[in-house]
PDB file of N, CA and C in Angstrom:
ATOM      1  N   UNK A   1      -3.192  -9.401   2.854  1.00  0.00           N
ATOM      2  CA  UNK A   1      -2.833  -7.807   3.580  1.00  0.00           C
ATOM      3  C   UNK A   1      -2.344  -8.059   2.528  1.00  0.00           C
ATOM      4  N   UNK A   2      -2.213  -5.922   2.842  1.00  0.00           N
ATOM      5  CA  UNK A   2      -1.092  -5.337   1.911  1.00  0.00           C
ATOM      6  C   UNK A   2      -0.543  -4.270   3.022  1.00  0.00           C
ATOM      7  N   UNK A   3       0.487  -3.524   2.648  1.00  0.00           N
ATOM      8  CA  UNK A   3       0.921  -2.328   3.005  1.00  0.00           C
ATOM      9  C   UNK A   3      -0.197  -0.997   3.345  1.00  0.00           C
ATOM     10  N   UNK A   4      -1.123  -1.469   1.805  1.00  0.00           N
ATOM     11  CA  UNK A   4      -2.049   0.206   1.197  1.00  0.00           C
ATOM     12  C   UNK A   4      -3.265  -0.332   2.441  1.00  0.00           C
ATOM     13  N   UNK A   5      -3.772  -1.503   3.241  1.00  0.00           N
ATOM     14  CA  UNK A   5      -4.746  -1.422   3.421  1.00  0.00           C
ATOM     15  C   UNK A   5      -4.990  -1.328   5.145  1.00  0.00           C
ATOM     16  N   UNK A   6      -3.157  -0.823   5.353  1.00  0.00           N
ATOM     17  CA  UNK A   6      -2.776  -0.758   6.899  1.00  0.00           C
ATOM     18  C   UNK A   6      -3.138   1.269   7.313  1.00  0.00           C
ATOM     19  N   UNK A   7      -3.391   1.255   8.600  1.00  0.00           N
ATOM     20  CA  UNK A   7      -3.792   2.228   8.888  1.00  0.00           C
ATOM     21  C   UNK A   7      -2.184   2.624   9.846  1.00  0.00           C
ATOM     22  N   UNK A   8      -2.498   4.064   9.865  1.00  0.00           N
ATOM     23  CA  UNK A   8      -1.250   4.699  10.355  1.00  0.00           C
ATOM     24  C   UNK A   8      -0.933   4.352  11.870  1.00  0.00           C
ATOM     25  N   UNK A   9      -1.612   3.819  12.632  1.00  0.00           N
ATOM     26  CA  UNK A   9      -1.584   3.113  13.595  1.00  0.00           C
ATOM     27  C   UNK A   9      -0.949   1.790  13.732  1.00  0.00           C
ATOM     28  N   UNK A  10      -1.603   0.957  12.493  1.00  0.00           N
ATOM     29  CA  UNK A  10      -0.538  -0.432  12.877  1.00  0.00           C
ATOM     30  C   UNK A  10       0.407  -0.325  12.254  1.00  0.00           C
ATOM     31  N   UNK A  11       0.571   0.233  11.573  1.00  0.00           N
ATOM     32  CA  UNK A  11       1.866   0.721  10.685  1.00  0.00           C
ATOM     33  C   UNK A  11       3.208   0.874  11.897  1.00  0.00           C
ATOM     34  N   UNK A  12       2.230   1.947  12.650  1.00  0.00           N
ATOM     35  CA  UNK A  12       3.088   2.183  13.674  1.00  0.00           C
ATOM     36  C   UNK A  12       3.436   1.236  14.942  1.00  0.00           C
ATOM     37  N   UNK A  13       2.574   0.137  15.286  1.00  0.00           N
ATOM     38  CA  UNK A  13       2.159  -1.066  16.022  1.00  0.00           C
ATOM     39  C   UNK A  13       3.482  -2.230  15.362  1.00  0.00           C
ATOM     40  N   UNK A  14       2.935  -2.241  13.682  1.00  0.00           N
ATOM     41  CA  UNK A  14       4.564  -3.661  13.360  1.00  0.00           C
ATOM     42  C   UNK A  14       5.579  -3.073  13.515  1.00  0.00           C
ATOM     43  N   UNK A  15       5.942  -2.119  13.110  1.00  0.00           N
ATOM     44  CA  UNK A  15       7.263  -1.369  13.162  1.00  0.00           C
ATOM     45  C   UNK A  15       8.108  -1.260  15.304  1.00  0.00           C
ATOM     46  N   UNK A  16       7.151  -0.784  15.670  1.00  0.00           N
ATOM     47  CA  UNK A  16       7.772  -1.293  17.375  1.00  0.00           C
ATOM     48  C   UNK A  16       7.757  -2.384  17.397  1.00  0.00           C
ATOM     49  N   UNK A  17       6.877  -3.308  17.171  1.00  0.00           N
ATOM     50  CA  UNK A  17       7.095  -4.596  17.908  1.00  0.00           C
ATOM     51  C   UNK A  17       7.989  -5.033  17.093  1.00  0.00           C
ATOM     52  N   UNK A  18       8.265  -5.280  15.542  1.00  0.00           N
ATOM     53  CA  UNK A  18      10.095  -5.580  15.339  1.00  0.00           C
ATOM     54  C   UNK A  18      11.081  -4.931  16.128  1.00  0.00           C
ATOM     55  N   UNK A  19      10.933  -3.451  16.600  1.00  0.00           N
ATOM     56  CA  UNK A  19      12.065  -2.891  17.294  1.00  0.00           C
ATOM     57  C   UNK A  19      12.152  -4.101  18.670  1.00  0.00           C
ATOM     58  N   UNK A  20      10.826  -3.720  19.291  1.00  0.00           N
ATOM     59  CA  UNK A  20      11.242  -4.782  20.632  1.00  0.00           C
ATOM     60  C   UNK A  20      12.047  -6.622  20.019  1.00  0.00           C
ATOM     61  N   UNK A  21      11.491  -6.248  19.158  1.00  0.00           N
ATOM     62  CA  UNK A  21      12.656  -7.739  18.979  1.00  0.00           C
ATOM     63  C   UNK A  21      14.373  -7.856  18.816  1.00  0.00           C
ATOM     64  N   UNK A  22      14.308  -6.142  18.445  1.00  0.00           N
ATOM     65  CA  UNK A  22      16.094  -6.261  18.380  1.00  0.00           C
ATOM     66  C   UNK A  22      16.001  -5.890  16.365  1.00  0.00           C
ATOM     67  N   UNK A  23      14.611  -5.309  15.710  1.00  0.00           N
ATOM     68  CA  UNK A  23      14.547  -5.215  14.430  1.00  0.00           C
ATOM     69  C   UNK A  23      14.501  -3.732  13.983  1.00  0.00           C
ATOM     70  N   UNK A  24      15.151  -3.407  13.856  1.00  0.00           N
ATOM     71  CA  UNK A  24      14.206  -1.602  13.244  1.00  0.00           C
ATOM     72  C   UNK A  24      14.699  -1.818  11.914  1.00  0.00           C
ATOM     73  N   UNK A  25      13.427  -1.884  11.474  1.00  0.00           N
ATOM     74  CA  UNK A  25      12.599  -1.821  10.139  1.00  0.00           C
ATOM     75  C   UNK A  25      11.650  -0.919   9.976  1.00  0.00           C
ATOM     76  N   UNK A  26      11.490  -0.948   8.612  1.00  0.00           N
ATOM     77  CA  UNK A  26      10.627  -0.119   8.256  1.00  0.00           C
ATOM     78  C   UNK A  26       9.278  -0.839   7.615  1.00  0.00           C
ATOM     79  N   UNK A  27       8.117  -0.749   7.649  1.00  0.00           N
ATOM     80  CA  UNK A  27       7.190  -1.729   7.451  1.00  0.00           C
ATOM     81  C   UNK A  27       7.350  -2.104   6.067  1.00  0.00           C
ATOM     82  N   UNK A  28       7.941  -1.371   5.162  1.00  0.00           N
ATOM     83  CA  UNK A  28       7.756  -2.252   4.045  1.00  0.00           C
ATOM     84  C   UNK A  28       9.144  -2.919   3.595  1.00  0.00           C
ATOM     85  N   UNK A  29       9.570  -3.069   4.843  1.00  0.00           N
ATOM     86  CA  UNK A  29      10.794  -4.106   4.338  1.00  0.00           C
ATOM     87  C   UNK A  29      10.229  -5.604   5.278  1.00  0.00           C
ATOM     88  N   UNK A  30       8.519  -6.008   5.495  1.00  0.00           N
ATOM     89  CA  UNK A  30       8.502  -7.477   6.321  1.00  0.00           C
ATOM     90  C   UNK A  30       7.156  -7.694   4.900  1.00  0.00           C
ATOM     91  N   UNK A  31       7.104  -8.992   5.483  1.00  0.00           N
ATOM     92  CA  UNK A  31       6.028  -9.330   4.380  1.00  0.00           C
ATOM     93  C   UNK A  31       5.059 -10.212   5.154  1.00  0.00           C
ATOM     94  N   UNK A  32       3.177 -10.273   4.713  1.00  0.00           N
ATOM     95  CA  UNK A  32       2.198 -10.621   5.351  1.00  0.00           C
ATOM     96  C   UNK A  32       1.707 -11.456   5.019  1.00  0.00           C
ATOM     97  N   UNK A  33       1.121 -12.417   6.249  1.00  0.00           N
ATOM     98  CA  UNK A  33       0.871 -13.654   5.928  1.00  0.00           C
ATOM     99  C   UNK A  33      -0.660 -13.803   6.461  1.00  0.00           C
ATOM    100  N   UNK A  34      -0.889 -15.584   6.259  1.00  0.00           N
ATOM    101  CA  UNK A  34      -2.295 -15.624   6.805  1.00  0.00           C
ATOM    102  C   UNK A  34      -1.600 -16.583   7.634  1.00  0.00           C
ATOM    103  N   UNK A  35      -0.722 -17.325   7.057  1.00  0.00           N
ATOM    104  CA  UNK A  35      -0.053 -18.371   8.432  1.00  0.00           C
ATOM    105  C   UNK A  35      -0.225 -18.310   9.510  1.00  0.00           C
ATOM    106  N   UNK A  36      -0.672 -19.523  10.274  1.00  0.00           N
ATOM    107  CA  UNK A  36       0.064 -19.269  11.677  1.00  0.00           C
ATOM    108  C   UNK A  36       1.368 -19.339  12.135  1.00  0.00           C
ATOM    109  N   UNK A  37       1.593 -19.002  13.288  1.00  0.00           N
ATOM    110  CA  UNK A  37       3.383 -19.564  13.535  1.00  0.00           C
ATOM    111  C   UNK A  37       2.898 -20.634  13.431  1.00  0.00           C
ATOM    112  N   UNK A  38       1.986 -22.167  14.023  1.00  0.00           N
ATOM    113  CA  UNK A  38       2.575 -23.395  13.749  1.00  0.00           C
ATOM    114  C   UNK A  38       2.732 -23.687  12.458  1.00  0.00           C
ATOM    115  N   UNK A  39       2.154 -23.155  11.985  1.00  0.00           N
ATOM    116  CA  UNK A  39       2.203 -23.488  10.252  1.00  0.00           C
ATOM    117  C   UNK A  39       4.112 -22.829   9.642  1.00  0.00           C
ATOM    118  N   UNK A  40       4.150 -21.486  10.563  1.00  0.00           N
ATOM    119  CA  UNK A  40       5.659 -21.881   9.945  1.00  0.00           C
ATOM    120  C   UNK A  40       6.966 -22.634  10.476  1.00  0.00           C
ATOM    121  N   UNK A  41       6.272 -23.239  12.306  1.00  0.00           N
ATOM    122  CA  UNK A  41       7.378 -24.114  12.807  1.00  0.00           C
ATOM    123  C   UNK A  41       7.454 -25.053  12.425  1.00  0.00           C
ATOM    124  N   UNK A  42       5.950 -25.809  11.384  1.00  0.00           N
ATOM    125  CA  UNK A  42       5.850 -26.989  10.614  1.00  0.00           C
ATOM    126  C   UNK A  42       6.453 -26.864   9.626  1.00  0.00           C
ATOM    127  N   UNK A  43       6.884 -25.844   8.331  1.00  0.00           N
ATOM    128  CA  UNK A  43       7.877 -25.724   7.254  1.00  0.00           C
ATOM    129  C   UNK A  43       8.965 -25.533   7.792  1.00  0.00           C
ATOM    130  N   UNK A  44       9.044 -24.773   8.968  1.00  0.00           N
ATOM    131  CA  UNK A  44      10.545 -25.411   8.992  1.00  0.00           C
ATOM    132  C   UNK A  44      11.497 -26.837   9.224  1.00  0.00           C
ATOM    133  N   UNK A  45      10.742 -27.556   9.296  1.00  0.00           N
ATOM    134  CA  UNK A  45      10.900 -29.426   9.361  1.00  0.00           C
ATOM    135  C   UNK A  45      11.500 -29.127   7.985  1.00  0.00           C
ATOM    136  N   UNK A  46      10.982 -28.522   7.195  1.00  0.00           N
ATOM    137  CA  UNK A  46      10.598 -29.194   5.522  1.00  0.00           C
ATOM    138  C   UNK A  46      12.140 -28.317   5.345  1.00  0.00           C
ATOM    139  N   UNK A  47      13.006 -27.669   5.587  1.00  0.00           N
ATOM    140  CA  UNK A  47      13.705 -26.868   5.611  1.00  0.00           C
ATOM    141  C   UNK A  47      15.279 -27.727   5.374  1.00  0.00           C
ATOM    142  N   UNK A  48      15.875 -27.414   4.081  1.00  0.00           N
ATOM    143  CA  UNK A  48      17.360 -28.093   4.079  1.00  0.00           C
ATOM    144  C   UNK A  48      18.748 -28.270   5.284  1.00  0.00           C
ATOM    145  N   UNK A  49      18.861 -27.213   5.730  1.00  0.00           N
ATOM    146  CA  UNK A  49      18.735 -26.068   7.082  1.00  0.00           C
ATOM    147  C   UNK A  49      18.171 -25.896   8.218  1.00  0.00           C
ATOM    148  N   UNK A  50      17.418 -26.268   8.915  1.00  0.00           N
ATOM    149  CA  UNK A  50      15.910 -25.730  10.131  1.00  0.00           C
ATOM    150  C   UNK A  50      16.895 -24.477  10.662  1.00  0.00           C
ATOM    151  N   UNK A  51      18.242 -24.821  10.904  1.00  0.00           N
ATOM    152  CA  UNK A  51      18.302 -23.486  11.355  1.00  0.00           C
ATOM    153  C   UNK A  51      17.818 -23.147  13.311  1.00  0.00           C
ATOM    154  N   UNK A  52      18.047 -22.571  14.058  1.00  0.00           N
ATOM    155  CA  UNK A  52      17.579 -22.850  15.423  1.00  0.00           C
ATOM    156  C   UNK A  52      16.539 -21.884  15.958  1.00  0.00           C
ATOM    157  N   UNK A  53      15.966 -22.636  16.689  1.00  0.00           N
ATOM    158  CA  UNK A  53      14.957 -21.498  17.023  1.00  0.00           C
ATOM    159  C   UNK A  53      15.417 -20.257  18.504  1.00  0.00           C
ATOM    160  N   UNK A  54      15.594 -19.287  18.446  1.00  0.00           N
ATOM    161  CA  UNK A  54      16.241 -18.070  19.366  1.00  0.00           C
ATOM    162  C   UNK A  54      15.518 -17.696  19.958  1.00  0.00           C
ATOM    163  N   UNK A  55      13.918 -17.518  19.638  1.00  0.00           N
ATOM    164  CA  UNK A  55      13.044 -17.513  20.730  1.00  0.00           C
ATOM    165  C   UNK A  55      11.569 -17.868  20.256  1.00  0.00           C
ATOM    166  N   UNK A  56      10.433 -18.674  21.117  1.00  0.00           N
ATOM    167  CA  UNK A  56       9.299 -18.902  20.638  1.00  0.00           C
ATOM    168  C   UNK A  56       8.902 -18.397  21.481  1.00  0.00           C
ATOM    169  N   UNK A  57       7.150 -17.831  21.313  1.00  0.00           N
ATOM    170  CA  UNK A  57       6.393 -17.035  22.565  1.00  0.00           C
ATOM    171  C   UNK A  57       5.119 -17.270  21.393  1.00  0.00           C
ATOM    172  N   UNK A  58       4.207 -17.291  22.220  1.00  0.00           N
ATOM    173  CA  UNK A  58       2.612 -17.625  21.760  1.00  0.00           C
ATOM    174  C   UNK A  58       2.373 -16.108  20.604  1.00  0.00           C
ATOM    175  N   UNK A  59       3.229 -15.350  20.008  1.00  0.00           N
ATOM    176  CA  UNK A  59       3.575 -13.402  19.650  1.00  0.00           C
ATOM    177  C   UNK A  59       4.549 -14.009  18.383  1.00  0.00           C
ATOM    178  N   UNK A  60       5.482 -14.718  18.756  1.00  0.00           N
ATOM    179  CA  UNK A  60       6.610 -14.133  17.953  1.00  0.00           C
ATOM    180  C   UNK A  60       7.354 -15.636  17.871  1.00  0.00           C
ATOM    181  N   UNK A  61       7.976 -15.484  16.801  1.00  0.00           N
ATOM    182  CA  UNK A  61       8.832 -16.907  16.588  1.00  0.00           C
ATOM    183  C   UNK A  61      10.446 -16.364  15.830  1.00  0.00           C
ATOM    184  N   UNK A  62      11.551 -16.387  16.963  1.00  0.00           N
ATOM    185  CA  UNK A  62      12.440 -15.734  15.767  1.00  0.00           C
ATOM    186  C   UNK A  62      13.090 -17.561  15.271  1.00  0.00           C
ATOM    187  N   UNK A  63      13.841 -17.417  14.119  1.00  0.00           N
ATOM    188  CA  UNK A  63      14.476 -18.818  13.556  1.00  0.00           C
ATOM    189  C   UNK A  63      15.985 -17.866  13.067  1.00  0.00           C
ATOM    190  N   UNK A  64      17.103 -18.227  13.876  1.00  0.00           N
ATOM    191  CA  UNK A  64      18.311 -17.953  13.016  1.00  0.00           C
ATOM    192  C   UNK A  64      19.127 -19.236  12.003  1.00  0.00           C
ATOM    193  N   UNK A  65      19.797 -18.778  11.042  1.00  0.00           N
ATOM    194  CA  UNK A  65      21.000 -19.502  10.038  1.00  0.00           C
ATOM    195  C   UNK A  65      19.735 -20.702   9.469  1.00  0.00           C
ATOM    196  N   UNK A  66      18.803 -20.501   8.881  1.00  0.00           N
ATOM    197  CA  UNK A  66      17.698 -21.281   8.294  1.00  0.00           C
ATOM    198  C   UNK A  66      18.416 -21.244   6.967  1.00  0.00           C
ATOM    199  N   UNK A  67      18.444 -22.651   6.292  1.00  0.00           N
ATOM    200  CA  UNK A  67      17.951 -22.344   5.033  1.00  0.00           C
ATOM    201  C   UNK A  67      17.067 -23.481   4.570  1.00  0.00           C
ATOM    202  N   UNK A  68      16.704 -22.442   3.121  1.00  0.00           N
ATOM    203  CA  UNK A  68      15.292 -23.031   2.892  1.00  0.00           C
ATOM    204  C   UNK A  68      15.277 -24.194   2.193  1.00  0.00           C
ATOM    205  N   UNK A  69      16.241 -24.239   0.615  1.00  0.00           N
ATOM    206  CA  UNK A  69      17.117 -25.134  -0.170  1.00  0.00           C
ATOM    207  C   UNK A  69      18.555 -24.780  -0.309  1.00  0.00           C
ATOM    208  N   UNK A  70      18.181 -26.309  -0.796  1.00  0.00           N
ATOM    209  CA  UNK A  70      20.078 -26.467  -0.659  1.00  0.00           C
ATOM    210  C   UNK A  70      20.605 -25.939  -1.506  1.00  0.00           C
ATOM    211  N   UNK A  71      21.633 -24.884  -1.554  1.00  0.00           N
ATOM    212  CA  UNK A  71      21.769 -23.881  -2.172  1.00  0.00           C
ATOM    213  C   UNK A  71      21.921 -22.524  -1.984  1.00  0.00           C
ATOM    214  N   UNK A  72      20.681 -22.307  -1.164  1.00  0.00           N
ATOM    215  CA  UNK A  72      20.846 -20.798  -0.776  1.00  0.00           C
ATOM    216  C   UNK A  72      21.257 -20.522   0.192  1.00  0.00           C
ATOM    217  N   UNK A  73      21.335 -18.951   0.684  1.00  0.00           N
ATOM    218  CA  UNK A  73      22.159 -18.006   1.699  1.00  0.00           C
ATOM    219  C   UNK A  73      21.361 -18.938   2.990  1.00  0.00           C
ATOM    220  N   UNK A  74      21.556 -19.030   4.242  1.00  0.00           N
ATOM    221  CA  UNK A  74      21.423 -18.834   5.323  1.00  0.00           C
ATOM    222  C   UNK A  74      20.714 -17.579   5.362  1.00  0.00           C
ATOM    223  N   UNK A  75      19.320 -17.736   6.419  1.00  0.00           N
ATOM    224  CA  UNK A  75      18.672 -16.497   6.560  1.00  0.00           C
ATOM    225  C   UNK A  75      18.282 -16.730   8.234  1.00  0.00           C
ATOM    226  N   UNK A  76      18.352 -15.192   8.726  1.00  0.00           N
ATOM    227  CA  UNK A  76      16.939 -15.226   9.860  1.00  0.00           C
ATOM    228  C   UNK A  76      16.022 -14.741   9.544  1.00  0.00           C
ATOM    229  N   UNK A  77      15.265 -14.977  10.775  1.00  0.00           N
ATOM    230  CA  UNK A  77      13.479 -14.297  10.448  1.00  0.00           C
ATOM    231  C   UNK A  77      13.205 -14.379  11.518  1.00  0.00           C
ATOM    232  N   UNK A  78      11.972 -13.577  11.345  1.00  0.00           N
ATOM    233  CA  UNK A  78      11.309 -13.124  12.443  1.00  0.00           C
ATOM    234  C   UNK A  78       9.911 -12.734  12.017  1.00  0.00           C
ATOM    235  N   UNK A  79       8.985 -14.044  12.869  1.00  0.00           N
ATOM    236  CA  UNK A  79       7.580 -13.282  12.550  1.00  0.00           C
ATOM    237  C   UNK A  79       7.120 -13.067  13.685  1.00  0.00           C
ATOM    238  N   UNK A  80       5.496 -12.278  13.501  1.00  0.00           N
ATOM    239  CA  UNK A  80       4.943 -11.769  14.908  1.00  0.00           C
ATOM    240  C   UNK A  80       3.755 -11.739  14.623  1.00  0.00           C
ATOM    241  N   UNK A  81       2.951 -12.208  15.517  1.00  0.00           N
ATOM    242  CA  UNK A  81       1.848 -12.333  15.274  1.00  0.00           C
ATOM    243  C   UNK A  81       0.543 -10.903  15.425  1.00  0.00           C
ATOM    244  N   UNK A  82       0.272 -10.563  14.426  1.00  0.00           N
ATOM    245  CA  UNK A  82      -0.827  -9.740  15.443  1.00  0.00           C
ATOM    246  C   UNK A  82      -2.454  -9.757  15.042  1.00  0.00           C
ATOM    247  N   UNK A  83      -2.573 -11.012  15.134  1.00  0.00           N
ATOM    248  CA  UNK A  83      -4.522 -11.780  15.028  1.00  0.00           C
ATOM    249  C   UNK A  83      -5.013 -12.108  14.151  1.00  0.00           C
ATOM    250  N   UNK A  84      -4.995 -10.712  13.549  1.00  0.00           N
ATOM    251  CA  UNK A  84      -5.445 -11.274  11.546  1.00  0.00           C
ATOM    252  C   UNK A  84      -4.815 -11.315  11.104  1.00  0.00           C
ATOM    253  N   UNK A  85      -3.732 -11.881  11.106  1.00  0.00           N
ATOM    254  CA  UNK A  85      -2.508 -11.499  10.416  1.00  0.00           C
ATOM    255  C   UNK A  85      -0.655 -11.575  11.067  1.00  0.00           C
ATOM    256  N   UNK A  86       0.572 -12.630  10.055  1.00  0.00           N
ATOM    257  CA  UNK A  86       1.360 -12.159  10.532  1.00  0.00           C
ATOM    258  C   UNK A  86       2.272 -11.438  10.056  1.00  0.00           C
ATOM    259  N   UNK A  87       3.969 -11.202  10.601  1.00  0.00           N
ATOM    260  CA  UNK A  87       3.987  -9.764   9.897  1.00  0.00           C
ATOM    261  C   UNK A  87       5.038 -10.889   9.832  1.00  0.00           C
ATOM    262  N   UNK A  88       6.276 -10.651   8.208  1.00  0.00           N
ATOM    263  CA  UNK A  88       7.346 -12.026   8.868  1.00  0.00           C
ATOM    264  C   UNK A  88       8.619 -10.502   7.859  1.00  0.00           C
ATOM    265  N   UNK A  89       9.706 -11.080   9.009  1.00  0.00           N
ATOM    266  CA  UNK A  89      11.152  -9.868   8.187  1.00  0.00           C
ATOM    267  C   UNK A  89      12.182 -11.362   8.380  1.00  0.00           C
ATOM    268  N   UNK A  90      12.753 -11.102   7.078  1.00  0.00           N
ATOM    269  CA  UNK A  90      14.132 -11.884   6.879  1.00  0.00           C
ATOM    270  C   UNK A  90      14.907 -11.517   6.669  1.00  0.00           C
TER     271      UNK A  90
END
């Protein structure tokens, strides 16, 4: 999945969904993945600092203060499930 294969309706849905979570972003600021939300939670367990889960539903995962590897900055990220793909903003 990449931005060039998205329809205008899909782009609007992605931007609206992130806005509803408090992230006023443009679709070109997100990364697309096939990883499930369960995969993201499992991967989070291997982080240097796991951060805190601020929100977790069947469609949304928001983590604050995660540090993927020692020496890297802490970051927040939001993953939203759109069915065939997930969109990630950090």
